[in-house]
Amino acid sequence: MNGTYRTQGLTLLEVMIAISIFSVIMVTVLSILPTVFKVNSHTAKSQDASLYARTVIEQTRNYWLTKVTPAPGTADAYPYFTSGAFPSDLPTVPSSLTCDPLSTSTLPTVNPPTPIARRRLTVSCTPQGSTAQVFVVEIGRP
């Protein structure tokens, strides 16, 4: 032979280097996964709070803005809005949330009209292991 001898395939050293590089990459990727799962769980709980608040706000708004035939002796076509009463069929609070009781307030005006002009509805929910989320909407009399 002429002195150069070539073998085909991988040497043990090349295989060990490839395995070590693969191991370092996998450890890096796998160390990120718990954080990703935690963020995903937090996002799901926040979405539960947003969905619950949106549902409550929409149902209350529709209830308040339901026009009824005024009772004799009154001229108020929107008595639910005036009283600030909440609908009886509001959804139950999801088990992943702790929500404060609903609150409503009238908004001050310079010259308060006889029927209330605007109401502020506040929904405050705290997902488990997270900070409180407060949703506020102002609803005007039509």
Protein backbone atom coordinates (compact mmCIF):
# COMPACT_ATOMS: atom_id res chain seq x y z
CA MET A 1 0.00 0.00 0.00
CA ASN A 2 1.05 3.58 -0.49
CA GLY A 3 0.82 4.67 3.20
CA THR A 4 -2.62 6.27 3.28
CA TYR A 5 -5.22 4.07 4.84
CA ARG A 6 -8.83 5.26 5.00
CA THR A 7 -11.67 3.68 6.90
CA GLN A 8 -15.31 4.30 6.39
CA GLY A 9 -17.73 5.13 9.22
CA LEU A 10 -17.47 7.10 12.43
CA THR A 11 -14.88 6.77 15.12
CA LEU A 12 -15.86 6.38 18.75
CA LEU A 13 -14.59 9.92 19.44
CA GLU A 14 -16.87 11.43 16.77
CA VAL A 15 -19.88 9.58 18.17
CA MET A 16 -19.14 10.78 21.72
CA ILE A 17 -18.75 14.40 20.56
CA ALA A 18 -22.06 14.21 18.66
CA ILE A 19 -23.84 12.75 21.71
CA SER A 20 -22.42 15.45 24.00
CA ILE A 21 -23.50 18.25 21.64
CA PHE A 22 -26.97 16.69 21.37
CA SER A 23 -27.15 16.38 25.18
CA VAL A 24 -26.27 20.05 25.72
CA ILE A 25 -28.94 21.13 23.24
CA MET A 26 -31.58 18.87 24.82
CA VAL A 27 -30.81 20.07 28.37
CA THR A 28 -31.19 23.67 27.19
CA VAL A 29 -34.50 22.98 25.46
CA LEU A 30 -35.90 20.87 28.30
CA SER A 31 -35.00 23.48 30.92
CA ILE A 32 -37.27 25.98 29.13
CA LEU A 33 -40.35 23.71 29.09
CA PRO A 34 -41.47 24.19 32.74
CA THR A 35 -41.50 27.96 32.20
CA VAL A 36 -43.55 27.55 29.04
CA PHE A 37 -46.09 25.37 30.84
CA LYS A 38 -46.35 27.87 33.71
CA VAL A 39 -46.95 30.76 31.31
CA ASN A 40 -49.54 28.69 29.46
CA SER A 41 -51.39 27.94 32.71
CA HIS A 42 -51.30 31.61 33.77
CA THR A 43 -52.62 32.66 30.36
CA ALA A 44 -55.49 30.16 30.55
CA LYS A 45 -56.52 31.48 33.99
CA SER A 46 -56.38 35.08 32.74
CA GLN A 47 -58.56 34.12 29.78
CA ASP A 48 -61.07 32.54 32.18
CA ALA A 49 -61.27 35.85 34.06
CA SER A 50 -61.67 37.86 30.85
CA LEU A 51 -64.34 35.53 29.49
CA TYR A 52 -66.31 35.55 32.75
CA ALA A 53 -66.12 39.36 33.03
CA ARG A 54 -67.12 39.87 29.40
CA THR A 55 -70.11 37.54 29.80
CA VAL A 56 -71.27 39.30 32.97
CA ILE A 57 -70.83 42.74 31.42
CA GLU A 58 -72.70 41.81 28.22
CA GLN A 59 -75.60 40.16 30.06
CA THR A 60 -75.91 43.06 32.50
CA ARG A 61 -75.73 45.62 29.69
CA ASN A 62 -78.45 43.82 27.73
CA TYR A 63 -80.59 43.55 30.87
CA TRP A 64 -80.20 47.21 31.73
CA LEU A 65 -80.95 48.34 28.19
CA THR A 66 -84.11 46.23 27.85
CA LYS A 67 -86.92 48.65 27.12
CA VAL A 68 -90.16 47.91 28.94
CA THR A 69 -93.56 49.53 28.89
CA PRO A 70 -93.52 51.97 31.80
CA ALA A 71 -95.78 51.18 34.74
CA PRO A 72 -98.73 53.52 35.22
CA GLY A 73 -97.62 56.69 36.92
CA THR A 74 -93.98 56.34 35.85
CA ALA A 75 -92.20 57.36 32.69
CA ASP A 76 -89.11 55.18 33.09
CA ALA A 77 -88.77 52.81 30.13
CA TYR A 78 -85.49 51.43 31.52
CA PRO A 79 -86.23 50.54 35.17
CA TYR A 80 -83.45 47.92 35.38
CA PHE A 81 -80.91 50.54 34.36
CA THR A 82 -82.28 53.04 36.86
CA SER A 83 -82.24 50.56 39.74
CA GLY A 84 -78.86 49.07 38.83
CA ALA A 85 -80.26 45.58 39.42
CA PHE A 86 -78.34 42.61 38.06
CA PRO A 87 -79.92 39.86 35.97
CA SER A 88 -80.77 36.71 37.90
CA ASP A 89 -79.25 34.37 35.30
CA LEU A 90 -75.62 35.51 35.49
CA PRO A 91 -73.08 32.71 35.00
CA THR A 92 -71.47 31.07 38.01
CA VAL A 93 -67.89 32.01 38.79
CA PRO A 94 -65.41 29.44 37.42
CA SER A 95 -63.60 27.41 40.07
CA SER A 96 -60.23 28.83 38.98
CA LEU A 97 -61.34 32.37 39.92
CA THR A 98 -62.18 34.33 43.04
CA CYS A 99 -64.45 37.25 42.14
CA ASP A 100 -65.58 40.16 44.27
CA PRO A 101 -69.30 40.93 44.33
CA LEU A 102 -70.39 42.96 41.32
CA SER A 103 -70.56 46.67 41.90
CA THR A 104 -72.30 49.44 40.08
CA SER A 105 -72.31 53.16 40.57
CA THR A 106 -73.88 56.15 38.92
CA LEU A 107 -71.56 58.65 37.35
CA PRO A 108 -71.74 62.23 38.52
CA THR A 109 -72.87 64.87 36.07
CA VAL A 110 -72.93 68.65 36.31
CA ASN A 111 -76.70 68.83 36.32
CA PRO A 112 -77.94 65.35 37.25
CA PRO A 113 -80.88 64.47 35.03
CA THR A 114 -83.93 62.90 36.60
CA PRO A 115 -83.26 59.50 35.06
CA ILE A 116 -79.72 58.32 35.65
CA ALA A 117 -77.65 59.02 32.52
CA ARG A 118 -74.71 56.62 32.95
CA ARG A 119 -73.70 53.72 35.15
CA ARG A 120 -70.29 52.24 35.79
CA LEU A 121 -70.14 48.44 36.16
CA THR A 122 -67.08 46.89 37.81
CA VAL A 123 -66.15 43.20 37.71
CA SER A 124 -63.07 42.21 39.73
CA CYS A 125 -61.66 38.68 39.54
CA THR A 126 -58.47 37.08 40.82
CA PRO A 127 -57.19 33.94 39.09
CA GLN A 128 -55.57 31.44 41.48
CA GLY A 129 -51.93 32.35 42.01
CA SER A 130 -52.21 35.64 40.14
CA THR A 131 -53.02 39.30 40.65
CA ALA A 132 -56.52 40.75 40.53
CA GLN A 133 -57.97 41.78 37.20
CA VAL A 134 -60.50 44.60 37.26
CA PHE A 135 -62.87 45.17 34.35
CA VAL A 136 -64.78 48.45 34.23
CA VAL A 137 -67.36 49.53 31.68
CA GLU A 138 -69.56 52.61 31.52
CA ILE A 139 -73.04 52.13 30.13
CA GLY A 140 -75.19 55.06 29.05
CA ARG A 141 -78.95 55.32 29.02
CA PRO A 142 -80.24 55.13 25.44
